[in-house]
Every structure is written in structure tokens, then in C-alpha cells.
Amino acid sequence: MASNSLETGFVAVRPERSQQLEAQFERAHQAASLVWNQYMRRSFDAAVAANKLRLEGRVGSATSEKVELPTDLWPLIEVQDWTHGLAVDPSGVVYWSIRVAQANSDQIEPDTTKRPNRPSFDRAAMAVADLYPDGVPAQSQLPDVHLCRTVADWLKQKKLLPVSDSTIRRAAGRRGK
């Protein structure tokens, strides 16, 4: 027998309809996350790195003045709430009201170096930079097998595509097989 009670919020709905809507929202959220992480994020990251887009936000407080954020911050922050633009960097600094804007054409420096498109290397380099901000320890202190496992775990935690061990070693400045 259907319940006649209503759950109220912005609108009044029956509990079973509320559960259906919640499940539908969760499926839409998962689909959007998949599209973002698998198809859009690399292009977005590249546009930020190339200064085609600029990031703005409030540092430390929701009421602080909005400032332009450095482009090299983007790969390090973890967005907690896209709707409100809330993110946290590895040191715990909170960024509020993060917004993206197209960079003014007079601010964009022409790219004179034609670097090949290397998304795998870029992901590995981003992981290495985040994991070892003071530089990668010597191989005697951190063998390749541990370096590669740590970077692979970081990529998996960030829900980024995996890269080969040789790519990780190159990104860490270790040449070899």
C-alpha cells in the first residue's frame, strides 16, 4: 500500500518518489563524472596550463577578495564541491568560489615551442610533482618499483588513467628501459 505521507523540502513528494529522484540524481552525477574524468579533464588541464583559461577564487575564506589563482595550482587541488567551487590543496588551504574564465588575448603568450601531445607523460609528471615537491629521492632511497607503485596508486586515487612504468620513470627524471 502506498504511503500518503509527504517529504517536504523545496517541493513536497512522496517518500518513494524521493528515493527514485535521489537514485536518478546519483546516476546522472556518476555519468557526468565519467565524462569529465575520461574525456574532458585532459583538454581542460591543457587549456589551463597553456594560459588559455584562468582560474579565480577566494583563498582561505568565503569572504576574502577574489584573486586570480596560479595555473600550476590547478593539478594539485581537489575539487570538493563543483556547484559552489570549493577545493582544497594538499597542504589543506581551502579555495572558495573557484570559477574559470577565458584568458584575455593580450595575456596569452604565444606558444613558440611545439611540444608533442603527451597526456600519459603529463599525468605521470603531475603525480611526481605532487608526491615529491622537493624532488624525487635517489634510486638508492626509492627504488623504481616503489616509485612506480606510488605514482600508479596516486593516479588511481585521482581517478586518472594509468601510465606505464617507463613513462613514470621518464617523468621522474630516471631514464632507462
Protein backbone atom coordinates (compact mmCIF):
# COMPACT_ATOMS: atom_id res chain seq x y z
CA MET A 1 0.00 0.00 0.00
CA ALA A 2 1.39 3.41 -0.97
CA SER A 3 2.12 5.86 1.80
CA ASN A 4 0.17 9.10 1.88
CA SER A 5 2.87 10.96 3.85
CA LEU A 6 4.94 13.57 2.06
CA GLU A 7 8.57 14.58 2.37
CA THR A 8 8.94 18.32 2.10
CA GLY A 9 11.85 20.48 1.07
CA PHE A 10 11.64 22.80 -1.88
CA VAL A 11 8.75 20.66 -3.08
CA ALA A 12 6.54 18.05 -1.45
CA VAL A 13 6.93 14.50 -2.77
CA ARG A 14 6.06 11.04 -1.60
CA PRO A 15 8.96 9.09 0.01
CA GLU A 16 9.13 6.52 -2.80
CA ARG A 17 9.35 9.31 -5.40
CA SER A 18 12.03 10.99 -3.30
CA GLN A 19 14.07 7.78 -3.39
CA GLN A 20 13.60 7.50 -7.17
CA LEU A 21 14.75 11.08 -7.69
CA GLU A 22 17.75 10.56 -5.43
CA ALA A 23 18.78 7.45 -7.37
CA GLN A 24 18.28 9.28 -10.67
CA PHE A 25 20.44 12.17 -9.44
CA GLU A 26 23.19 9.75 -8.35
CA ARG A 27 23.21 8.05 -11.78
CA ALA A 28 23.41 11.43 -13.55
CA HIS A 29 26.23 12.51 -11.23
CA GLN A 30 28.18 9.30 -11.95
CA ALA A 31 27.71 9.73 -15.71
CA ALA A 32 28.86 13.36 -15.58
CA SER A 33 31.91 12.36 -13.51
CA LEU A 34 32.82 9.69 -16.04
CA VAL A 35 32.55 12.11 -18.96
CA TRP A 36 34.60 14.74 -17.12
CA ASN A 37 37.36 12.37 -15.95
CA GLN A 38 37.68 10.30 -19.14
CA TYR A 39 37.07 12.85 -21.88
CA MET A 40 37.13 16.47 -20.78
CA ARG A 41 39.68 16.81 -17.97
CA ARG A 42 42.80 16.41 -20.13
CA SER A 43 41.67 19.15 -22.51
CA PHE A 44 40.74 21.40 -19.61
CA ASP A 45 44.09 20.76 -17.87
CA ALA A 46 45.94 21.56 -21.11
CA ALA A 47 43.97 24.80 -21.60
CA VAL A 48 44.78 25.92 -18.04
CA ALA A 49 48.46 25.01 -18.46
CA ALA A 50 48.61 26.92 -21.76
CA ASN A 51 47.07 30.03 -20.12
CA LYS A 52 44.02 29.85 -22.38
CA LEU A 53 41.86 29.71 -19.28
CA ARG A 54 42.35 31.46 -15.97
CA LEU A 55 41.16 30.40 -12.56
CA GLU A 56 39.74 32.79 -10.00
CA GLY A 57 38.82 32.10 -6.41
CA ARG A 58 38.82 33.20 -2.81
CA VAL A 59 41.75 31.88 -0.77
CA GLY A 60 41.19 30.69 2.79
CA SER A 61 37.76 32.23 3.36
CA ALA A 62 34.45 32.54 1.54
CA THR A 63 34.53 36.27 2.23
CA SER A 64 38.09 37.04 1.12
CA GLU A 65 38.67 39.04 -2.05
CA LYS A 66 38.55 37.08 -5.30
CA VAL A 67 42.01 36.69 -6.86
CA GLU A 68 43.46 35.01 -9.91
CA LEU A 69 44.94 31.65 -8.97
CA PRO A 70 48.25 30.45 -10.44
CA THR A 71 47.82 27.91 -13.24
CA ASP A 72 50.26 25.48 -11.64
CA LEU A 73 47.89 25.19 -8.66
CA TRP A 74 45.14 23.51 -10.71
CA PRO A 75 46.70 20.00 -10.91
CA LEU A 76 47.26 20.00 -7.16
CA ILE A 77 43.84 20.97 -5.85
CA GLU A 78 40.98 18.58 -5.27
CA VAL A 79 37.55 19.99 -6.01
CA GLN A 80 35.22 19.06 -3.15
CA ASP A 81 32.04 20.74 -4.43
CA TRP A 82 31.70 21.77 -8.07
CA THR A 83 28.41 23.56 -7.52
CA HIS A 84 29.94 26.03 -5.08
CA GLY A 85 33.50 25.94 -6.44
CA LEU A 86 35.04 24.59 -3.24
CA ALA A 87 38.51 22.99 -3.43
CA VAL A 88 41.39 22.06 -1.14
CA ASP A 89 45.11 21.89 -1.88
CA PRO A 90 47.43 19.20 -0.43
CA SER A 91 48.50 21.50 2.43
CA GLY A 92 44.87 21.99 3.50
CA VAL A 93 44.31 25.51 2.14
CA VAL A 94 40.67 25.92 1.13
CA TYR A 95 39.70 27.75 -2.06
CA TRP A 96 36.18 29.15 -2.31
CA SER A 97 34.08 30.23 -5.30
CA ILE A 98 36.52 28.87 -7.89
CA ARG A 99 35.48 29.98 -11.33
CA VAL A 100 37.01 29.60 -14.75
CA ALA A 101 37.26 32.43 -17.25
CA GLN A 102 38.75 32.67 -20.68
CA ALA A 103 42.11 34.41 -20.55
CA ASN A 104 42.27 37.78 -22.28
CA SER A 105 44.02 37.51 -25.61
CA ASP A 106 46.60 40.10 -24.53
CA GLN A 107 47.51 37.92 -21.54
CA ILE A 108 48.22 34.80 -23.56
CA GLU A 109 51.82 34.42 -24.53
CA PRO A 110 52.23 32.71 -27.88
CA ASP A 111 53.48 29.17 -27.55
CA THR A 112 56.65 29.06 -29.60
CA THR A 113 57.59 25.55 -28.50
CA LYS A 114 55.66 22.89 -30.32
CA ARG A 115 55.58 20.22 -27.65
CA PRO A 116 54.11 16.90 -28.68
CA ASN A 117 50.81 15.89 -27.16
CA ARG A 118 51.90 13.64 -24.26
CA PRO A 119 48.93 13.10 -21.95
CA SER A 120 50.42 9.99 -20.31
CA PHE A 121 53.68 11.76 -19.55
CA ASP A 122 51.77 14.81 -18.28
CA ARG A 123 49.72 12.67 -15.88
CA ALA A 124 52.85 10.96 -14.59
CA ALA A 125 54.67 14.30 -14.22
CA MET A 126 51.71 15.78 -12.35
CA ALA A 127 51.76 12.82 -9.92
CA VAL A 128 55.53 13.02 -9.42
CA ALA A 129 55.34 16.77 -8.76
CA ASP A 130 52.56 16.31 -6.22
CA LEU A 131 54.15 13.33 -4.47
CA TYR A 132 57.71 14.69 -4.42
CA PRO A 133 57.58 18.51 -4.32
CA ASP A 134 61.22 18.66 -3.16
CA GLY A 135 62.39 16.34 -5.91
CA VAL A 136 62.38 12.60 -6.43
CA PRO A 137 64.62 10.77 -3.95
CA ALA A 138 67.66 8.96 -5.32
CA GLN A 139 67.07 5.49 -6.69
CA SER A 140 69.03 4.02 -3.75
CA GLN A 141 66.45 5.57 -1.40
CA LEU A 142 63.39 4.97 -3.58
CA PRO A 143 63.75 2.04 -5.99
CA ASP A 144 61.92 2.22 -9.31
CA VAL A 145 59.42 -0.45 -8.28
CA HIS A 146 58.29 1.63 -5.26
CA LEU A 147 58.27 4.87 -7.28
CA CYS A 148 56.10 3.29 -9.98
CA ARG A 149 53.71 1.72 -7.46
CA THR A 150 53.33 5.02 -5.56
CA VAL A 151 52.62 7.01 -8.74
CA ALA A 152 50.19 4.35 -10.01
CA ASP A 153 48.31 4.47 -6.68
CA TRP A 154 48.18 8.31 -6.85
CA LEU A 155 46.73 8.20 -10.37
CA LYS A 156 44.18 5.60 -9.32
CA GLN A 157 43.16 7.67 -6.27
CA LYS A 158 42.68 10.73 -8.51
CA LYS A 159 40.68 8.56 -10.95
CA LEU A 160 43.12 9.28 -13.79
CA LEU A 161 44.12 6.82 -16.47
CA PRO A 162 47.15 4.65 -15.63
CA VAL A 163 50.53 5.10 -17.31
CA SER A 164 53.39 2.70 -17.99
CA ASP A 165 56.32 2.27 -15.62
CA SER A 166 58.71 3.60 -18.27
CA THR A 167 56.61 6.79 -18.54
CA ILE A 168 56.70 7.20 -14.76
CA ARG A 169 60.49 6.77 -14.74
CA ARG A 170 60.88 9.37 -17.51
CA ALA A 171 58.60 11.82 -15.67
CA ALA A 172 60.72 11.31 -12.54
CA GLY A 173 63.90 12.05 -14.49
CA ARG A 174 65.05 8.44 -14.49
CA ARG A 175 65.96 7.29 -17.94
CA GLY A 176 66.10 3.63 -18.78
CA LYS A 177 64.13 0.77 -20.14
